[in-house]
Amino acid sequence: MKWFIKCIRNYVNFSGRARRREYWYFELCSFLLMIVAIVLDRICFGDPYKFFYALVGLFLFLPNLAVMSRRLHDVGRSAKILIWYYVLGFVWMIALVITGLATITGGAAASTGFLVVLLVGALVFLAWSILFLVWFCTEGTPGENPYGPDPKQIEA
């Protein structure tokens, strides 16, 4: 729980480094909070993914981005990779909407374009997500790196 609170306190701190423990405990607590939010939505509204789920998601968005960027710094990667991930995801969603609308009004060629955009984008983001998972599971670079001192040495 102390790691989750540490991340919440550093919710806009995109500099420095985060240990694996800090990142994964934050993700675990976030996951549990989202489940509680879904249950509350089910109890209060009869349908999951409403008010509490959106509220918790918005509350955790910036701390999650911050701890992800600090975790990337710990393995010697720039957080710009994370920015590109979200920007390209947004562009992909817009491309899906445009090709989806073309599919509704068009014919078979438009539906083929939609499937190509869907599959290529899905494969790219699957590969990118696996790469992020590997980086988030990798031990940080020992000693100081360009992003700051080793967090293990600071805590010891």
N, C-alpha and C. Protein backbone atom coordinates (compact mmCIF):
# COMPACT_ATOMS: atom_id res chain seq x y z
N MET A 1 0.82 -1.19 0.00
CA MET A 1 0.00 0.00 0.00
C MET A 1 0.86 1.26 0.00
N LYS A 2 2.04 1.19 0.63
CA LYS A 2 2.90 2.38 0.68
C LYS A 2 3.37 2.78 -0.71
N TRP A 3 3.53 1.79 -1.59
CA TRP A 3 3.97 2.11 -2.96
C TRP A 3 2.87 2.82 -3.72
N PHE A 4 1.63 2.41 -3.49
CA PHE A 4 0.50 3.06 -4.16
C PHE A 4 0.40 4.51 -3.70
N ILE A 5 0.50 4.73 -2.41
CA ILE A 5 0.42 6.09 -1.86
C ILE A 5 1.59 6.94 -2.37
N LYS A 6 2.76 6.32 -2.48
CA LYS A 6 3.92 7.05 -3.02
C LYS A 6 3.64 7.51 -4.45
N CYS A 7 3.04 6.65 -5.25
CA CYS A 7 2.71 7.03 -6.63
C CYS A 7 1.64 8.11 -6.69
N ILE A 8 0.66 8.04 -5.80
CA ILE A 8 -0.38 9.06 -5.77
C ILE A 8 0.22 10.41 -5.38
N ARG A 9 1.15 10.39 -4.42
CA ARG A 9 1.80 11.65 -4.03
C ARG A 9 2.65 12.22 -5.15
N ASN A 10 3.22 11.36 -5.99
CA ASN A 10 4.06 11.79 -7.11
C ASN A 10 3.27 11.76 -8.42
N TYR A 11 2.00 12.12 -8.37
CA TYR A 11 1.13 11.91 -9.52
C TYR A 11 1.49 12.73 -10.75
N VAL A 12 2.26 13.80 -10.60
CA VAL A 12 2.69 14.56 -11.78
C VAL A 12 4.22 14.61 -11.87
N ASN A 13 4.88 13.72 -11.17
CA ASN A 13 6.34 13.66 -11.21
C ASN A 13 6.76 12.69 -12.31
N PHE A 14 7.13 13.25 -13.45
CA PHE A 14 7.52 12.42 -14.59
C PHE A 14 9.04 12.28 -14.69
N SER A 15 9.75 12.78 -13.72
CA SER A 15 11.21 12.67 -13.73
C SER A 15 11.64 11.70 -12.63
N GLY A 16 12.84 11.20 -12.77
CA GLY A 16 13.34 10.24 -11.79
C GLY A 16 13.08 8.83 -12.24
N ARG A 17 13.22 7.91 -11.30
CA ARG A 17 13.12 6.49 -11.61
C ARG A 17 12.19 5.80 -10.62
N ALA A 18 11.54 4.73 -11.07
CA ALA A 18 10.65 3.94 -10.22
C ALA A 18 11.08 2.48 -10.30
N ARG A 19 11.17 1.85 -9.15
CA ARG A 19 11.51 0.43 -9.09
C ARG A 19 10.37 -0.41 -9.63
N ARG A 20 10.68 -1.67 -9.93
CA ARG A 20 9.63 -2.60 -10.37
C ARG A 20 8.56 -2.73 -9.29
N ARG A 21 9.00 -2.82 -8.05
CA ARG A 21 8.07 -2.98 -6.94
C ARG A 21 7.07 -1.82 -6.89
N GLU A 22 7.57 -0.62 -7.03
CA GLU A 22 6.69 0.55 -7.01
C GLU A 22 5.67 0.47 -8.14
N TYR A 23 6.11 0.15 -9.34
CA TYR A 23 5.21 0.09 -10.49
C TYR A 23 4.15 -1.00 -10.32
N TRP A 24 4.58 -2.21 -9.98
CA TRP A 24 3.65 -3.33 -9.94
C TRP A 24 2.69 -3.25 -8.77
N TYR A 25 3.12 -2.73 -7.62
CA TYR A 25 2.18 -2.54 -6.52
C TYR A 25 1.16 -1.46 -6.86
N PHE A 26 1.60 -0.43 -7.56
CA PHE A 26 0.65 0.59 -8.01
C PHE A 26 -0.38 -0.03 -8.95
N GLU A 27 0.07 -0.84 -9.89
CA GLU A 27 -0.85 -1.48 -10.83
C GLU A 27 -1.81 -2.42 -10.11
N LEU A 28 -1.33 -3.17 -9.12
CA LEU A 28 -2.19 -4.08 -8.36
C LEU A 28 -3.27 -3.30 -7.61
N CYS A 29 -2.87 -2.26 -6.90
CA CYS A 29 -3.85 -1.45 -6.16
C CYS A 29 -4.83 -0.77 -7.11
N SER A 30 -4.36 -0.32 -8.25
CA SER A 30 -5.25 0.30 -9.25
C SER A 30 -6.27 -0.70 -9.75
N PHE A 31 -5.81 -1.91 -10.03
CA PHE A 31 -6.69 -2.98 -10.49
C PHE A 31 -7.77 -3.27 -9.45
N LEU A 32 -7.37 -3.36 -8.19
CA LEU A 32 -8.33 -3.64 -7.12
C LEU A 32 -9.32 -2.49 -6.96
N LEU A 33 -8.85 -1.25 -7.07
CA LEU A 33 -9.75 -0.10 -7.00
C LEU A 33 -10.76 -0.11 -8.15
N MET A 34 -10.31 -0.50 -9.33
CA MET A 34 -11.23 -0.56 -10.48
C MET A 34 -12.29 -1.65 -10.27
N ILE A 35 -11.91 -2.76 -9.66
CA ILE A 35 -12.90 -3.81 -9.38
C ILE A 35 -13.93 -3.31 -8.36
N VAL A 36 -13.45 -2.61 -7.32
CA VAL A 36 -14.37 -2.04 -6.34
C VAL A 36 -15.31 -1.04 -7.03
N ALA A 37 -14.78 -0.24 -7.94
CA ALA A 37 -15.61 0.73 -8.66
C ALA A 37 -16.66 0.02 -9.52
N ILE A 38 -16.29 -1.07 -10.16
CA ILE A 38 -17.26 -1.83 -10.97
C ILE A 38 -18.36 -2.40 -10.08
N VAL A 39 -17.97 -2.94 -8.92
CA VAL A 39 -18.97 -3.49 -8.00
C VAL A 39 -19.90 -2.39 -7.50
N LEU A 40 -19.34 -1.23 -7.15
CA LEU A 40 -20.19 -0.11 -6.71
C LEU A 40 -21.13 0.34 -7.82
N ASP A 41 -20.63 0.39 -9.04
CA ASP A 41 -21.50 0.75 -10.17
C ASP A 41 -22.61 -0.27 -10.36
N ARG A 42 -22.29 -1.53 -10.20
CA ARG A 42 -23.29 -2.59 -10.34
C ARG A 42 -24.35 -2.47 -9.24
N ILE A 43 -23.90 -2.18 -8.02
CA ILE A 43 -24.84 -2.05 -6.90
C ILE A 43 -25.71 -0.79 -7.05
N CYS A 44 -25.06 0.33 -7.37
CA CYS A 44 -25.79 1.61 -7.42
C CYS A 44 -26.60 1.81 -8.69
N PHE A 45 -26.06 1.37 -9.82
CA PHE A 45 -26.70 1.67 -11.10
C PHE A 45 -27.20 0.45 -11.83
N GLY A 46 -26.85 -0.74 -11.37
CA GLY A 46 -27.30 -1.96 -12.03
C GLY A 46 -26.50 -2.33 -13.26
N ASP A 47 -25.52 -1.52 -13.60
CA ASP A 47 -24.71 -1.78 -14.79
C ASP A 47 -23.28 -1.34 -14.49
N PRO A 48 -22.30 -2.18 -14.82
CA PRO A 48 -20.91 -1.76 -14.56
C PRO A 48 -20.47 -0.67 -15.55
N TYR A 49 -19.31 -0.10 -15.26
CA TYR A 49 -18.66 0.89 -16.15
C TYR A 49 -19.45 2.18 -16.27
N LYS A 50 -19.89 2.70 -15.15
CA LYS A 50 -20.60 3.97 -15.18
C LYS A 50 -19.82 5.01 -14.40
N PHE A 51 -20.42 5.57 -13.40
CA PHE A 51 -19.90 6.73 -12.69
C PHE A 51 -18.61 6.43 -11.92
N PHE A 52 -18.64 5.46 -11.02
CA PHE A 52 -17.48 5.20 -10.17
C PHE A 52 -16.28 4.71 -10.97
N TYR A 53 -16.54 3.87 -11.96
CA TYR A 53 -15.47 3.37 -12.82
C TYR A 53 -14.77 4.52 -13.55
N ALA A 54 -15.55 5.43 -14.10
CA ALA A 54 -14.98 6.58 -14.80
C ALA A 54 -14.25 7.50 -13.83
N LEU A 55 -14.80 7.70 -12.66
CA LEU A 55 -14.18 8.55 -11.66
C LEU A 55 -12.82 8.00 -11.22
N VAL A 56 -12.76 6.71 -10.91
CA VAL A 56 -11.50 6.09 -10.50
C VAL A 56 -10.51 6.09 -11.66
N GLY A 57 -10.99 5.82 -12.86
CA GLY A 57 -10.11 5.85 -14.04
C GLY A 57 -9.48 7.22 -14.26
N LEU A 58 -10.28 8.25 -14.13
CA LEU A 58 -9.75 9.62 -14.27
C LEU A 58 -8.78 9.96 -13.15
N PHE A 59 -9.09 9.52 -11.93
CA PHE A 59 -8.23 9.77 -10.79
C PHE A 59 -6.86 9.10 -10.96
N LEU A 60 -6.84 7.92 -11.54
CA LEU A 60 -5.60 7.15 -11.67
C LEU A 60 -4.83 7.40 -12.96
N PHE A 61 -5.39 8.16 -13.89
CA PHE A 61 -4.76 8.34 -15.20
C PHE A 61 -3.38 8.99 -15.09
N LEU A 62 -3.30 10.16 -14.48
CA LEU A 62 -2.00 10.85 -14.36
C LEU A 62 -0.99 10.11 -13.50
N PRO A 63 -1.39 9.57 -12.33
CA PRO A 63 -0.40 8.79 -11.58
C PRO A 63 0.12 7.58 -12.35
N ASN A 64 -0.75 6.96 -13.14
CA ASN A 64 -0.32 5.82 -13.94
C ASN A 64 0.68 6.23 -15.00
N LEU A 65 0.41 7.32 -15.70
CA LEU A 65 1.37 7.82 -16.70
C LEU A 65 2.70 8.17 -16.05
N ALA A 66 2.64 8.80 -14.87
CA ALA A 66 3.87 9.21 -14.19
C ALA A 66 4.70 8.01 -13.77
N VAL A 67 4.06 7.01 -13.17
CA VAL A 67 4.84 5.85 -12.72
C VAL A 67 5.35 5.04 -13.92
N MET A 68 4.60 5.01 -15.00
CA MET A 68 5.08 4.33 -16.21
C MET A 68 6.31 5.03 -16.78
N SER A 69 6.28 6.35 -16.81
CA SER A 69 7.44 7.08 -17.34
C SER A 69 8.65 6.90 -16.43
N ARG A 70 8.44 6.93 -15.10
CA ARG A 70 9.56 6.72 -14.19
C ARG A 70 10.09 5.30 -14.29
N ARG A 71 9.20 4.33 -14.54
CA ARG A 71 9.65 2.94 -14.71
C ARG A 71 10.48 2.80 -15.98
N LEU A 72 10.06 3.46 -17.05
CA LEU A 72 10.86 3.44 -18.28
C LEU A 72 12.21 4.09 -18.04
N HIS A 73 12.25 5.16 -17.25
CA HIS A 73 13.53 5.80 -16.94
C HIS A 73 14.44 4.85 -16.17
N ASP A 74 13.86 4.01 -15.33
CA ASP A 74 14.67 3.09 -14.54
C ASP A 74 15.39 2.06 -15.42
N VAL A 75 14.78 1.71 -16.54
CA VAL A 75 15.44 0.75 -17.44
C VAL A 75 16.22 1.47 -18.54
N GLY A 76 16.37 2.78 -18.40
CA GLY A 76 17.19 3.54 -19.34
C GLY A 76 16.47 3.96 -20.61
N ARG A 77 15.15 3.99 -20.60
CA ARG A 77 14.37 4.38 -21.78
C ARG A 77 13.74 5.76 -21.55
N SER A 78 13.53 6.46 -22.62
CA SER A 78 12.88 7.76 -22.54
C SER A 78 11.37 7.58 -22.46
N ALA A 79 10.70 8.47 -21.75
CA ALA A 79 9.24 8.41 -21.66
C ALA A 79 8.58 8.89 -22.94
N LYS A 80 9.36 9.42 -23.89
CA LYS A 80 8.79 9.83 -25.17
C LYS A 80 8.16 8.64 -25.89
N ILE A 81 8.67 7.45 -25.64
CA ILE A 81 8.10 6.23 -26.23
C ILE A 81 6.65 6.08 -25.79
N LEU A 82 6.40 6.39 -24.54
CA LEU A 82 5.05 6.31 -23.99
C LEU A 82 4.13 7.33 -24.65
N ILE A 83 4.64 8.52 -24.87
CA ILE A 83 3.85 9.55 -25.54
C ILE A 83 3.48 9.11 -26.94
N TRP A 84 4.45 8.56 -27.67
CA TRP A 84 4.18 8.08 -29.02
C TRP A 84 3.14 6.96 -29.01
N TYR A 85 3.19 6.11 -28.01
CA TYR A 85 2.23 5.01 -27.89
C TYR A 85 0.80 5.56 -27.82
N TYR A 86 0.59 6.57 -26.98
CA TYR A 86 -0.74 7.14 -26.83
C TYR A 86 -1.15 7.96 -28.06
N VAL A 87 -0.23 8.70 -28.65
CA VAL A 87 -0.55 9.49 -29.83
C VAL A 87 -0.93 8.58 -30.99
N LEU A 88 -0.15 7.54 -31.22
CA LEU A 88 -0.47 6.62 -32.31
C LEU A 88 -1.75 5.84 -32.03
N GLY A 89 -2.02 5.55 -30.77
CA GLY A 89 -3.29 4.91 -30.42
C GLY A 89 -4.47 5.80 -30.77
N PHE A 90 -4.33 7.09 -30.49
CA PHE A 90 -5.38 8.05 -30.83
C PHE A 90 -5.57 8.13 -32.35
N VAL A 91 -4.47 8.19 -33.08
CA VAL A 91 -4.54 8.25 -34.55
C VAL A 91 -5.19 6.97 -35.09
N TRP A 92 -4.84 5.83 -34.51
CA TRP A 92 -5.41 4.56 -34.94
C TRP A 92 -6.92 4.55 -34.71
N MET A 93 -7.36 5.06 -33.57
CA MET A 93 -8.80 5.10 -33.30
C MET A 93 -9.53 6.00 -34.29
N ILE A 94 -8.93 7.12 -34.64
CA ILE A 94 -9.55 8.01 -35.63
C ILE A 94 -9.62 7.31 -36.99
N ALA A 95 -8.54 6.61 -37.36
CA ALA A 95 -8.54 5.87 -38.62
C ALA A 95 -9.63 4.80 -38.62
N LEU A 96 -9.83 4.16 -37.47
CA LEU A 96 -10.90 3.15 -37.38
C LEU A 96 -12.28 3.79 -37.54
N VAL A 97 -12.47 4.94 -36.95
CA VAL A 97 -13.77 5.62 -37.08
C VAL A 97 -14.00 6.02 -38.53
N ILE A 98 -12.99 6.59 -39.17
CA ILE A 98 -13.14 7.03 -40.56
C ILE A 98 -13.41 5.85 -41.49
N THR A 99 -12.61 4.79 -41.35
CA THR A 99 -12.82 3.62 -42.21
C THR A 99 -14.11 2.90 -41.85
N GLY A 100 -14.50 2.96 -40.57
CA GLY A 100 -15.78 2.36 -40.18
C GLY A 100 -16.95 3.09 -40.79
N LEU A 101 -16.89 4.42 -40.80
CA LEU A 101 -17.95 5.19 -41.45
C LEU A 101 -17.97 4.93 -42.96
N ALA A 102 -16.78 4.78 -43.56
CA ALA A 102 -16.72 4.47 -44.99
C ALA A 102 -17.31 3.09 -45.26
N THR A 103 -17.15 2.17 -44.33
CA THR A 103 -17.71 0.84 -44.48
C THR A 103 -19.23 0.88 -44.46
N ILE A 104 -19.78 1.73 -43.61
CA ILE A 104 -21.24 1.84 -43.52
C ILE A 104 -21.82 2.39 -44.82
N THR A 105 -21.15 3.39 -45.38
CA THR A 105 -21.68 4.02 -46.60
C THR A 105 -21.17 3.36 -47.87
N GLY A 106 -20.03 2.68 -47.79
CA GLY A 106 -19.42 2.10 -48.98
C GLY A 106 -19.75 0.63 -49.14
N GLY A 107 -18.90 -0.02 -49.92
CA GLY A 107 -19.12 -1.43 -50.20
C GLY A 107 -18.03 -2.31 -49.66
N ALA A 108 -17.69 -3.33 -50.43
CA ALA A 108 -16.73 -4.34 -50.00
C ALA A 108 -15.32 -3.76 -49.89
N ALA A 109 -14.95 -2.84 -50.77
CA ALA A 109 -13.60 -2.25 -50.71
C ALA A 109 -13.41 -1.47 -49.42
N ALA A 110 -14.45 -0.77 -49.00
CA ALA A 110 -14.37 -0.01 -47.76
C ALA A 110 -14.24 -0.93 -46.55
N SER A 111 -14.97 -2.04 -46.57
CA SER A 111 -14.87 -2.97 -45.44
C SER A 111 -13.50 -3.64 -45.40
N THR A 112 -12.88 -3.86 -46.56
CA THR A 112 -11.53 -4.40 -46.59
C THR A 112 -10.54 -3.40 -46.00
N GLY A 113 -10.71 -2.13 -46.32
CA GLY A 113 -9.85 -1.09 -45.74
C GLY A 113 -10.00 -1.03 -44.23
N PHE A 114 -11.23 -1.18 -43.74
CA PHE A 114 -11.45 -1.17 -42.30
C PHE A 114 -10.75 -2.35 -41.64
N LEU A 115 -10.87 -3.53 -42.24
CA LEU A 115 -10.22 -4.71 -41.67
C LEU A 115 -8.70 -4.59 -41.68
N VAL A 116 -8.14 -4.01 -42.73
CA VAL A 116 -6.69 -3.81 -42.80
C VAL A 116 -6.22 -2.86 -41.70
N VAL A 117 -6.92 -1.74 -41.55
CA VAL A 117 -6.57 -0.77 -40.50
C VAL A 117 -6.71 -1.41 -39.13
N LEU A 118 -7.78 -2.16 -38.93
CA LEU A 118 -8.01 -2.81 -37.65
C LEU A 118 -6.92 -3.82 -37.32
N LEU A 119 -6.62 -4.70 -38.25
CA LEU A 119 -5.65 -5.77 -37.99
C LEU A 119 -4.23 -5.25 -37.87
N VAL A 120 -3.82 -4.36 -38.76
CA VAL A 120 -2.45 -3.82 -38.69
C VAL A 120 -2.26 -3.04 -37.38
N GLY A 121 -3.22 -2.21 -37.05
CA GLY A 121 -3.13 -1.46 -35.80
C GLY A 121 -3.11 -2.36 -34.58
N ALA A 122 -3.97 -3.38 -34.59
CA ALA A 122 -4.01 -4.30 -33.45
C ALA A 122 -2.69 -5.05 -33.30
N LEU A 123 -2.11 -5.48 -34.40
CA LEU A 123 -0.82 -6.18 -34.32
C LEU A 123 0.30 -5.27 -33.84
N VAL A 124 0.31 -4.03 -34.33
CA VAL A 124 1.33 -3.07 -33.90
C VAL A 124 1.21 -2.81 -32.41
N PHE A 125 -0.01 -2.58 -31.92
CA PHE A 125 -0.18 -2.28 -30.50
C PHE A 125 0.01 -3.51 -29.62
N LEU A 126 -0.27 -4.69 -30.14
CA LEU A 126 0.03 -5.90 -29.39
C LEU A 126 1.54 -6.05 -29.21
N ALA A 127 2.28 -5.86 -30.29
CA ALA A 127 3.75 -5.96 -30.20
C ALA A 127 4.32 -4.90 -29.28
N TRP A 128 3.81 -3.69 -29.39
CA TRP A 128 4.28 -2.59 -28.55
C TRP A 128 3.96 -2.86 -27.08
N SER A 129 2.77 -3.39 -26.81
CA SER A 129 2.38 -3.71 -25.43
C SER A 129 3.27 -4.80 -24.84
N ILE A 130 3.62 -5.77 -25.65
CA ILE A 130 4.53 -6.83 -25.17
C ILE A 130 5.89 -6.23 -24.86
N LEU A 131 6.35 -5.32 -25.69
CA LEU A 131 7.63 -4.66 -25.44
C LEU A 131 7.59 -3.86 -24.14
N PHE A 132 6.50 -3.13 -23.90
CA PHE A 132 6.35 -2.40 -22.63
C PHE A 132 6.34 -3.37 -21.45
N LEU A 133 5.65 -4.49 -21.59
CA LEU A 133 5.61 -5.47 -20.51
C LEU A 133 7.01 -5.98 -20.18
N VAL A 134 7.78 -6.25 -21.22
CA VAL A 134 9.16 -6.71 -20.99
C VAL A 134 9.96 -5.63 -20.28
N TRP A 135 9.84 -4.39 -20.70
CA TRP A 135 10.58 -3.30 -20.06
C TRP A 135 10.13 -3.12 -18.61
N PHE A 136 8.82 -3.23 -18.34
CA PHE A 136 8.33 -3.03 -16.99
C PHE A 136 8.73 -4.18 -16.06
N CYS A 137 9.03 -5.36 -16.63
CA CYS A 137 9.46 -6.50 -15.83
C CYS A 137 10.98 -6.58 -15.70
N THR A 138 11.70 -5.82 -16.51
CA THR A 138 13.16 -5.85 -16.50
C THR A 138 13.70 -5.09 -15.29
N GLU A 139 14.76 -5.63 -14.71
CA GLU A 139 15.39 -4.93 -13.59
C GLU A 139 16.00 -3.63 -14.09
N GLY A 140 15.94 -2.61 -13.27
CA GLY A 140 16.48 -1.30 -13.63
C GLY A 140 17.99 -1.32 -13.78
N THR A 141 18.50 -0.32 -14.46
CA THR A 141 19.95 -0.24 -14.63
C THR A 141 20.59 0.07 -13.28
N PRO A 142 21.61 -0.68 -12.90
CA PRO A 142 22.24 -0.43 -11.61
C PRO A 142 23.03 0.88 -11.62
N GLY A 143 23.05 1.53 -10.49
CA GLY A 143 23.77 2.79 -10.39
C GLY A 143 23.00 3.92 -11.03
N GLU A 144 23.67 5.02 -11.19
CA GLU A 144 23.03 6.21 -11.76
C GLU A 144 22.95 6.09 -13.28
N ASN A 145 21.84 6.56 -13.84
CA ASN A 145 21.71 6.66 -15.29
C ASN A 145 21.30 8.09 -15.62
N PRO A 146 21.10 8.45 -16.88
CA PRO A 146 20.77 9.85 -17.21
C PRO A 146 19.50 10.39 -16.54
N TYR A 147 18.66 9.51 -16.01
CA TYR A 147 17.40 9.93 -15.43
C TYR A 147 17.44 10.05 -13.91
N GLY A 148 18.57 9.73 -13.31
CA GLY A 148 18.68 9.91 -11.86
C GLY A 148 19.39 8.75 -11.19
N PRO A 149 19.51 8.84 -9.87
CA PRO A 149 20.17 7.79 -9.12
C PRO A 149 19.32 6.53 -9.02
N ASP A 150 19.97 5.43 -8.71
CA ASP A 150 19.30 4.14 -8.58
C ASP A 150 18.36 4.18 -7.36
N PRO A 151 17.05 3.93 -7.54
CA PRO A 151 16.14 3.99 -6.40
C PRO A 151 16.42 2.92 -5.35
N LYS A 152 17.02 1.80 -5.74
CA LYS A 152 17.37 0.78 -4.77
C LYS A 152 18.44 1.27 -3.81
N GLN A 153 19.39 2.03 -4.32
CA GLN A 153 20.46 2.56 -3.47
C GLN A 153 19.95 3.66 -2.56
N ILE A 154 18.95 4.41 -3.01
CA ILE A 154 18.39 5.50 -2.20
C ILE A 154 17.65 4.90 -0.99
N GLU A 155 16.88 3.81 -1.21
CA GLU A 155 16.11 3.21 -0.13
C GLU A 155 16.96 2.41 0.83
N ALA A 156 18.11 1.94 0.38
CA ALA A 156 18.95 1.09 1.24
C ALA A 156 19.66 1.87 2.32
